[in-house]
């Protein structure tokens, strides 16, 4: 992989700005290690997230019930792979297993649509432990770079 430089990141950021889309980058540093330094030197803040995968063919652990309108999420299937994204629970409804139930339902739906590989980026190590109880295992790191707030 060629080295990424801060000027490369600045060009992409300028194009994102032109298009009116958020200035954001998401990548796996194990495959593109030079992007982190380039992103930081261009003024972006980089956040680390556990990257996890559910082994091919493995269902998520069974969980009873799905949670109405207090917890939600989605998955993005493409060509036998699906990424689980946006799983969240209202603060007042947390610590009841609702996000776990939603994730299990999303895995079941992804599998029913032919996804052999299901993966996600956990918000942090505590959240990663929840996904681990469903059978996901950490395989790397997902980095997300955005402008400072």
N, C-alpha and C. Protein backbone atom coordinates (compact mmCIF):
# COMPACT_ATOMS: atom_id res chain seq x y z
N UNK A 1 0.85 -1.18 0.00
CA UNK A 1 0.00 0.00 0.00
C UNK A 1 0.89 1.24 0.00
N UNK A 2 0.64 2.17 -0.92
CA UNK A 2 1.44 3.40 -0.93
C UNK A 2 1.19 4.22 0.34
N UNK A 3 2.18 4.99 0.74
CA UNK A 3 2.07 5.84 1.92
C UNK A 3 1.06 6.96 1.67
N UNK A 4 0.25 7.25 2.68
CA UNK A 4 -0.72 8.34 2.61
C UNK A 4 -0.11 9.56 3.30
N UNK A 5 -0.26 10.71 2.67
CA UNK A 5 0.32 11.95 3.19
C UNK A 5 -0.80 12.92 3.60
N UNK A 6 -0.50 13.87 4.48
CA UNK A 6 -1.51 14.85 4.89
C UNK A 6 -2.14 15.59 3.70
N UNK A 7 -1.37 15.85 2.66
CA UNK A 7 -1.94 16.53 1.49
C UNK A 7 -2.99 15.67 0.81
N UNK A 8 -2.82 14.35 0.84
CA UNK A 8 -3.83 13.44 0.28
C UNK A 8 -5.15 13.58 1.05
N UNK A 9 -5.03 13.61 2.37
CA UNK A 9 -6.20 13.74 3.22
C UNK A 9 -6.87 15.09 2.99
N UNK A 10 -6.08 16.15 2.87
CA UNK A 10 -6.63 17.49 2.64
C UNK A 10 -7.42 17.54 1.33
N UNK A 11 -6.93 16.87 0.29
CA UNK A 11 -7.64 16.85 -0.99
C UNK A 11 -9.00 16.18 -0.86
N UNK A 12 -9.04 15.07 -0.14
CA UNK A 12 -10.31 14.36 0.06
C UNK A 12 -11.25 15.21 0.91
N UNK A 13 -10.73 15.84 1.96
CA UNK A 13 -11.56 16.71 2.80
C UNK A 13 -12.14 17.86 1.98
N UNK A 14 -11.35 18.45 1.10
CA UNK A 14 -11.83 19.55 0.26
C UNK A 14 -12.97 19.07 -0.64
N UNK A 15 -12.82 17.88 -1.18
CA UNK A 15 -13.88 17.32 -2.04
C UNK A 15 -15.13 17.01 -1.23
N UNK A 16 -14.97 16.47 -0.03
CA UNK A 16 -16.12 16.22 0.84
C UNK A 16 -16.85 17.53 1.12
N UNK A 17 -16.10 18.57 1.41
CA UNK A 17 -16.69 19.88 1.69
C UNK A 17 -17.46 20.39 0.47
N UNK A 18 -16.84 20.27 -0.73
CA UNK A 18 -17.50 20.68 -1.98
C UNK A 18 -18.83 19.98 -2.18
N UNK A 19 -18.86 18.69 -1.86
CA UNK A 19 -20.06 17.89 -2.05
C UNK A 19 -21.07 18.06 -0.92
N UNK A 20 -20.69 18.75 0.12
CA UNK A 20 -21.59 18.96 1.24
C UNK A 20 -21.81 17.72 2.09
N UNK A 21 -20.82 16.84 2.10
CA UNK A 21 -20.92 15.64 2.93
C UNK A 21 -19.96 15.77 4.11
N UNK A 22 -20.22 15.03 5.18
CA UNK A 22 -19.36 15.15 6.36
C UNK A 22 -17.90 14.81 6.05
N UNK A 23 -17.00 15.58 6.65
CA UNK A 23 -15.58 15.29 6.55
C UNK A 23 -15.29 14.16 7.53
N UNK A 24 -15.20 12.95 7.01
CA UNK A 24 -15.03 11.78 7.86
C UNK A 24 -14.32 10.69 7.08
N UNK A 25 -13.46 9.96 7.77
CA UNK A 25 -12.73 8.84 7.20
C UNK A 25 -12.90 7.65 8.13
N UNK A 26 -13.08 6.47 7.58
CA UNK A 26 -13.13 5.26 8.39
C UNK A 26 -12.27 4.21 7.69
N UNK A 27 -11.35 3.58 8.46
CA UNK A 27 -10.45 2.60 7.86
C UNK A 27 -9.92 1.64 8.91
N UNK A 28 -9.22 0.63 8.42
CA UNK A 28 -8.60 -0.37 9.28
C UNK A 28 -7.09 -0.13 9.24
N UNK A 29 -6.49 0.27 10.38
CA UNK A 29 -5.08 0.63 10.36
C UNK A 29 -4.15 -0.54 10.05
N UNK A 30 -4.61 -1.75 10.29
CA UNK A 30 -3.79 -2.91 9.96
C UNK A 30 -3.55 -3.02 8.46
N UNK A 31 -4.43 -2.40 7.65
CA UNK A 31 -4.24 -2.42 6.20
C UNK A 31 -3.72 -1.11 5.63
N UNK A 32 -3.90 -0.01 6.35
CA UNK A 32 -3.47 1.31 5.88
C UNK A 32 -2.86 2.08 7.05
N UNK A 33 -1.69 1.65 7.51
CA UNK A 33 -1.12 2.25 8.73
C UNK A 33 -0.75 3.72 8.61
N UNK A 34 -0.37 4.20 7.43
CA UNK A 34 0.08 5.59 7.32
C UNK A 34 -1.06 6.60 7.34
N UNK A 35 -2.30 6.15 7.22
CA UNK A 35 -3.42 7.09 7.17
C UNK A 35 -3.65 7.79 8.51
N UNK A 36 -3.37 7.14 9.62
CA UNK A 36 -3.61 7.77 10.92
C UNK A 36 -2.78 9.05 11.09
N UNK A 37 -1.49 8.95 10.84
CA UNK A 37 -0.63 10.12 10.99
C UNK A 37 -1.04 11.21 10.01
N UNK A 38 -1.35 10.82 8.78
CA UNK A 38 -1.76 11.80 7.77
C UNK A 38 -3.05 12.49 8.19
N UNK A 39 -4.01 11.74 8.73
CA UNK A 39 -5.28 12.32 9.17
C UNK A 39 -5.05 13.28 10.33
N UNK A 40 -4.25 12.86 11.31
CA UNK A 40 -3.98 13.72 12.46
C UNK A 40 -3.23 14.99 12.06
N UNK A 41 -2.25 14.85 11.16
CA UNK A 41 -1.49 16.02 10.72
C UNK A 41 -2.33 16.97 9.88
N UNK A 42 -3.44 16.48 9.32
CA UNK A 42 -4.32 17.35 8.55
C UNK A 42 -5.39 18.00 9.44
N UNK A 43 -5.32 17.73 10.76
CA UNK A 43 -6.23 18.38 11.69
C UNK A 43 -7.42 17.56 12.14
N UNK A 44 -7.48 16.30 11.76
CA UNK A 44 -8.59 15.46 12.18
C UNK A 44 -8.29 14.77 13.50
N UNK A 45 -9.33 14.45 14.23
CA UNK A 45 -9.22 13.68 15.47
C UNK A 45 -9.57 12.24 15.15
N UNK A 46 -8.73 11.31 15.60
CA UNK A 46 -8.91 9.89 15.28
C UNK A 46 -9.42 9.15 16.51
N UNK A 47 -10.48 8.38 16.32
CA UNK A 47 -11.07 7.56 17.38
C UNK A 47 -10.89 6.09 17.03
N UNK A 48 -10.55 5.28 18.04
CA UNK A 48 -10.35 3.83 17.85
C UNK A 48 -11.57 3.05 18.33
N UNK A 49 -11.94 2.02 17.57
CA UNK A 49 -13.07 1.17 17.91
C UNK A 49 -12.71 -0.29 17.63
N UNK A 50 -13.08 -1.20 18.54
CA UNK A 50 -12.82 -2.62 18.27
C UNK A 50 -13.58 -3.07 17.01
N UNK A 51 -12.90 -3.72 16.11
CA UNK A 51 -13.50 -4.28 14.90
C UNK A 51 -13.73 -5.76 15.16
N UNK A 52 -14.99 -6.20 15.03
CA UNK A 52 -15.35 -7.55 15.44
C UNK A 52 -16.08 -8.27 14.31
N UNK A 53 -15.94 -9.60 14.29
CA UNK A 53 -16.61 -10.41 13.27
C UNK A 53 -17.24 -11.62 13.94
N UNK A 54 -18.34 -12.06 13.37
CA UNK A 54 -19.00 -13.29 13.78
C UNK A 54 -18.56 -14.34 12.78
N UNK A 55 -17.99 -15.44 13.26
CA UNK A 55 -17.46 -16.45 12.34
C UNK A 55 -18.52 -16.91 11.35
N UNK A 56 -18.07 -17.22 10.13
CA UNK A 56 -18.97 -17.63 9.05
C UNK A 56 -19.86 -18.77 9.51
N UNK A 57 -21.14 -18.61 9.24
CA UNK A 57 -22.11 -19.66 9.56
C UNK A 57 -22.57 -19.66 11.00
N UNK A 58 -21.89 -18.93 11.89
CA UNK A 58 -22.28 -18.94 13.30
C UNK A 58 -23.44 -17.98 13.52
N UNK A 59 -24.51 -18.47 14.14
CA UNK A 59 -25.60 -17.55 14.48
C UNK A 59 -25.22 -16.78 15.73
N UNK A 60 -25.80 -15.63 15.94
CA UNK A 60 -25.62 -14.94 17.22
C UNK A 60 -26.33 -15.75 18.27
N UNK A 61 -25.89 -15.63 19.51
CA UNK A 61 -26.53 -16.34 20.60
C UNK A 61 -28.01 -15.99 20.64
N UNK A 62 -28.86 -16.97 20.98
CA UNK A 62 -30.29 -16.71 21.07
C UNK A 62 -30.60 -15.74 22.19
N UNK A 63 -31.47 -14.79 21.89
CA UNK A 63 -31.90 -13.81 22.88
C UNK A 63 -33.41 -13.69 22.73
N UNK A 64 -34.13 -13.73 23.82
CA UNK A 64 -35.58 -13.61 23.77
C UNK A 64 -36.01 -12.18 23.53
N UNK A 65 -36.96 -12.03 22.63
CA UNK A 65 -37.63 -10.75 22.45
C UNK A 65 -36.81 -9.67 21.78
N UNK A 66 -37.48 -8.78 21.10
CA UNK A 66 -36.87 -7.58 20.55
C UNK A 66 -37.56 -6.42 21.24
N UNK A 67 -37.00 -5.26 21.17
CA UNK A 67 -37.25 -4.23 22.18
C UNK A 67 -38.14 -3.06 21.80
N UNK A 68 -39.05 -3.25 20.92
CA UNK A 68 -39.96 -2.15 20.61
C UNK A 68 -39.23 -0.93 20.10
N UNK A 69 -39.59 0.23 20.62
CA UNK A 69 -38.97 1.45 20.13
C UNK A 69 -37.99 2.08 21.13
N UNK A 70 -37.37 1.25 21.99
CA UNK A 70 -36.36 1.75 22.91
C UNK A 70 -34.95 1.41 22.46
N UNK A 71 -34.82 0.52 21.48
CA UNK A 71 -33.52 0.12 20.96
C UNK A 71 -33.67 -0.15 19.48
N UNK A 72 -32.63 0.19 18.70
CA UNK A 72 -32.73 0.05 17.25
C UNK A 72 -31.36 -0.21 16.66
N UNK A 73 -31.34 -0.62 15.40
CA UNK A 73 -30.10 -0.82 14.67
C UNK A 73 -30.43 -1.23 13.25
N UNK A 74 -29.40 -1.43 12.46
CA UNK A 74 -29.60 -1.89 11.09
C UNK A 74 -28.36 -2.64 10.63
N UNK A 75 -28.50 -3.35 9.50
CA UNK A 75 -27.32 -3.96 8.90
C UNK A 75 -27.32 -3.62 7.43
N UNK A 76 -26.13 -3.64 6.86
CA UNK A 76 -25.93 -3.24 5.46
C UNK A 76 -25.36 -4.41 4.68
N UNK A 77 -26.23 -5.22 4.05
CA UNK A 77 -25.74 -6.40 3.33
C UNK A 77 -25.26 -6.06 1.92
N UNK A 78 -24.19 -6.76 1.52
CA UNK A 78 -23.69 -6.65 0.15
C UNK A 78 -22.83 -7.86 -0.15
N UNK A 79 -23.21 -8.62 -1.13
CA UNK A 79 -22.40 -9.73 -1.66
C UNK A 79 -21.92 -10.70 -0.58
N UNK A 80 -22.85 -11.16 0.26
CA UNK A 80 -22.50 -12.17 1.25
C UNK A 80 -21.84 -11.65 2.51
N UNK A 81 -21.78 -10.32 2.66
CA UNK A 81 -21.20 -9.69 3.84
C UNK A 81 -22.20 -8.66 4.34
N UNK A 82 -22.31 -8.52 5.67
CA UNK A 82 -23.18 -7.48 6.20
C UNK A 82 -22.53 -6.82 7.41
N UNK A 83 -22.58 -5.50 7.45
CA UNK A 83 -22.08 -4.74 8.59
C UNK A 83 -23.25 -4.31 9.45
N UNK A 84 -23.19 -4.61 10.73
CA UNK A 84 -24.19 -4.14 11.68
C UNK A 84 -23.78 -2.74 12.12
N UNK A 85 -24.72 -1.79 12.01
CA UNK A 85 -24.43 -0.40 12.34
C UNK A 85 -25.57 0.21 13.14
N UNK A 86 -25.24 1.26 13.86
CA UNK A 86 -26.25 2.08 14.50
C UNK A 86 -27.06 1.42 15.60
N UNK A 87 -26.51 0.41 16.25
CA UNK A 87 -27.25 -0.21 17.35
C UNK A 87 -27.17 0.72 18.56
N UNK A 88 -28.32 1.06 19.08
CA UNK A 88 -28.35 1.95 20.23
C UNK A 88 -29.61 1.73 21.04
N UNK A 89 -29.53 2.09 22.31
CA UNK A 89 -30.64 1.97 23.23
C UNK A 89 -30.82 3.29 23.97
N UNK A 90 -32.06 3.70 24.17
CA UNK A 90 -32.32 4.90 24.95
C UNK A 90 -31.70 4.76 26.33
N UNK A 91 -31.12 5.82 26.86
CA UNK A 91 -30.45 5.72 28.17
C UNK A 91 -31.32 5.11 29.27
N UNK A 92 -32.60 5.46 29.32
CA UNK A 92 -33.47 4.94 30.38
C UNK A 92 -33.74 3.44 30.25
N UNK A 93 -33.45 2.86 29.09
CA UNK A 93 -33.74 1.45 28.86
C UNK A 93 -32.49 0.57 28.80
N UNK A 94 -31.34 1.15 29.14
CA UNK A 94 -30.09 0.39 29.04
C UNK A 94 -29.96 -0.64 30.17
N UNK A 95 -29.02 -1.56 29.97
CA UNK A 95 -28.68 -2.61 30.95
C UNK A 95 -29.78 -3.65 31.09
N UNK A 96 -30.59 -3.84 30.02
CA UNK A 96 -31.65 -4.84 30.03
C UNK A 96 -31.47 -5.87 28.92
N UNK A 97 -30.38 -5.78 28.17
CA UNK A 97 -30.14 -6.71 27.08
C UNK A 97 -30.84 -6.36 25.78
N UNK A 98 -31.35 -5.14 25.68
CA UNK A 98 -32.10 -4.77 24.49
C UNK A 98 -31.21 -4.65 23.25
N UNK A 99 -30.06 -4.01 23.38
CA UNK A 99 -29.14 -3.89 22.23
C UNK A 99 -28.66 -5.27 21.81
N UNK A 100 -28.46 -6.14 22.77
CA UNK A 100 -28.06 -7.52 22.47
C UNK A 100 -29.16 -8.22 21.68
N UNK A 101 -30.43 -8.02 22.07
CA UNK A 101 -31.54 -8.63 21.35
C UNK A 101 -31.65 -8.09 19.93
N UNK A 102 -31.48 -6.77 19.78
CA UNK A 102 -31.53 -6.17 18.45
C UNK A 102 -30.41 -6.72 17.58
N UNK A 103 -29.21 -6.81 18.14
CA UNK A 103 -28.07 -7.33 17.37
C UNK A 103 -28.32 -8.77 16.94
N UNK A 104 -28.84 -9.60 17.84
CA UNK A 104 -29.14 -11.00 17.49
C UNK A 104 -30.16 -11.06 16.36
N UNK A 105 -31.18 -10.19 16.41
CA UNK A 105 -32.19 -10.16 15.35
C UNK A 105 -31.58 -9.70 14.02
N UNK A 106 -30.67 -8.73 14.08
CA UNK A 106 -30.00 -8.27 12.86
C UNK A 106 -29.13 -9.35 12.26
N UNK A 107 -28.42 -10.10 13.11
CA UNK A 107 -27.60 -11.21 12.62
C UNK A 107 -28.50 -12.24 11.95
N UNK A 108 -29.60 -12.59 12.59
CA UNK A 108 -30.52 -13.58 12.01
C UNK A 108 -31.02 -13.11 10.65
N UNK A 109 -31.37 -11.82 10.54
CA UNK A 109 -31.84 -11.30 9.26
C UNK A 109 -30.72 -11.32 8.22
N UNK A 110 -29.52 -10.92 8.63
CA UNK A 110 -28.39 -10.94 7.69
C UNK A 110 -28.13 -12.35 7.18
N UNK A 111 -28.15 -13.32 8.09
CA UNK A 111 -27.94 -14.72 7.69
C UNK A 111 -29.05 -15.17 6.74
N UNK A 112 -30.30 -14.77 7.02
CA UNK A 112 -31.42 -15.19 6.15
C UNK A 112 -31.29 -14.60 4.75
N UNK A 113 -30.53 -13.52 4.63
CA UNK A 113 -30.30 -12.88 3.33
C UNK A 113 -29.00 -13.33 2.67
N UNK A 114 -28.37 -14.36 3.27
CA UNK A 114 -27.19 -14.95 2.65
C UNK A 114 -25.86 -14.40 3.11
N UNK A 115 -25.82 -13.63 4.18
CA UNK A 115 -24.55 -13.09 4.65
C UNK A 115 -23.75 -14.17 5.38
N UNK A 116 -22.63 -14.54 4.80
CA UNK A 116 -21.74 -15.50 5.45
C UNK A 116 -20.86 -14.80 6.48
N UNK A 117 -20.55 -13.53 6.22
CA UNK A 117 -19.72 -12.74 7.13
C UNK A 117 -20.55 -11.58 7.68
N UNK A 118 -20.56 -11.47 9.00
CA UNK A 118 -21.24 -10.36 9.67
C UNK A 118 -20.20 -9.70 10.57
N UNK A 119 -20.06 -8.37 10.45
CA UNK A 119 -19.06 -7.67 11.25
C UNK A 119 -19.63 -6.37 11.78
N UNK A 120 -18.90 -5.77 12.71
CA UNK A 120 -19.30 -4.49 13.29
C UNK A 120 -18.11 -3.82 13.94
N UNK A 121 -18.25 -2.55 14.21
CA UNK A 121 -17.27 -1.79 15.00
C UNK A 121 -17.95 -1.44 16.30
N UNK A 122 -17.39 -1.91 17.40
CA UNK A 122 -17.95 -1.61 18.72
C UNK A 122 -17.51 -0.21 19.15
N UNK A 123 -18.35 0.44 19.93
CA UNK A 123 -18.04 1.80 20.38
C UNK A 123 -16.81 1.87 21.26
N UNK A 124 -16.60 0.85 22.09
CA UNK A 124 -15.44 0.79 22.98
C UNK A 124 -15.31 -0.63 23.50
N UNK A 125 -14.34 -0.85 24.38
CA UNK A 125 -14.10 -2.21 24.89
C UNK A 125 -15.27 -2.74 25.71
N UNK A 126 -15.97 -1.88 26.45
CA UNK A 126 -17.13 -2.34 27.22
C UNK A 126 -18.23 -2.85 26.29
N UNK A 127 -18.49 -2.11 25.23
CA UNK A 127 -19.50 -2.53 24.24
C UNK A 127 -19.03 -3.80 23.53
N UNK A 128 -17.73 -3.90 23.27
CA UNK A 128 -17.19 -5.09 22.61
C UNK A 128 -17.48 -6.34 23.44
N UNK A 129 -17.46 -6.23 24.76
CA UNK A 129 -17.76 -7.38 25.61
C UNK A 129 -19.20 -7.85 25.43
N UNK A 130 -20.12 -6.93 25.19
CA UNK A 130 -21.52 -7.29 24.92
C UNK A 130 -21.58 -8.11 23.64
N UNK A 131 -20.92 -7.63 22.59
CA UNK A 131 -20.93 -8.35 21.32
C UNK A 131 -20.20 -9.69 21.42
N UNK A 132 -19.18 -9.76 22.24
CA UNK A 132 -18.47 -11.03 22.43
C UNK A 132 -19.40 -12.09 23.00
N UNK A 133 -20.32 -11.69 23.88
CA UNK A 133 -21.28 -12.65 24.43
C UNK A 133 -22.23 -13.19 23.37
N UNK A 134 -22.33 -12.49 22.24
CA UNK A 134 -23.14 -12.96 21.12
C UNK A 134 -22.33 -13.81 20.15
N UNK A 135 -21.04 -13.94 20.38
CA UNK A 135 -20.20 -14.76 19.52
C UNK A 135 -19.24 -13.99 18.64
N UNK A 136 -19.29 -12.66 18.66
CA UNK A 136 -18.35 -11.86 17.87
C UNK A 136 -16.97 -11.92 18.52
N UNK A 137 -15.93 -11.85 17.67
CA UNK A 137 -14.56 -11.81 18.20
C UNK A 137 -13.82 -10.65 17.54
N UNK A 138 -12.91 -10.09 18.31
CA UNK A 138 -12.14 -8.95 17.79
C UNK A 138 -11.12 -9.44 16.77
N UNK A 139 -11.07 -8.75 15.63
CA UNK A 139 -10.13 -9.11 14.57
C UNK A 139 -9.21 -7.94 14.20
N UNK A 140 -9.47 -6.78 14.75
CA UNK A 140 -8.64 -5.62 14.42
C UNK A 140 -9.21 -4.37 15.05
N UNK A 141 -8.90 -3.25 14.45
CA UNK A 141 -9.31 -1.95 14.95
C UNK A 141 -9.92 -1.16 13.80
N UNK A 142 -11.00 -0.48 14.09
CA UNK A 142 -11.58 0.45 13.12
C UNK A 142 -11.23 1.85 13.61
N UNK A 143 -10.68 2.68 12.73
CA UNK A 143 -10.39 4.07 13.06
C UNK A 143 -11.34 4.97 12.32
N UNK A 144 -11.81 5.99 13.03
CA UNK A 144 -12.68 6.98 12.43
C UNK A 144 -12.06 8.34 12.71
N UNK A 145 -11.85 9.12 11.66
CA UNK A 145 -11.25 10.46 11.80
C UNK A 145 -12.27 11.50 11.37
N UNK A 146 -12.42 12.53 12.22
CA UNK A 146 -13.36 13.61 11.96
C UNK A 146 -12.76 14.91 12.46
N UNK A 147 -13.29 16.04 12.00
CA UNK A 147 -12.81 17.31 12.54
C UNK A 147 -13.09 17.40 14.04
N UNK A 148 -12.25 18.11 14.76
CA UNK A 148 -12.50 18.34 16.19
C UNK A 148 -13.79 19.13 16.34
N UNK A 149 -14.51 18.86 17.41
CA UNK A 149 -15.78 19.57 17.63
C UNK A 149 -15.57 20.97 18.12
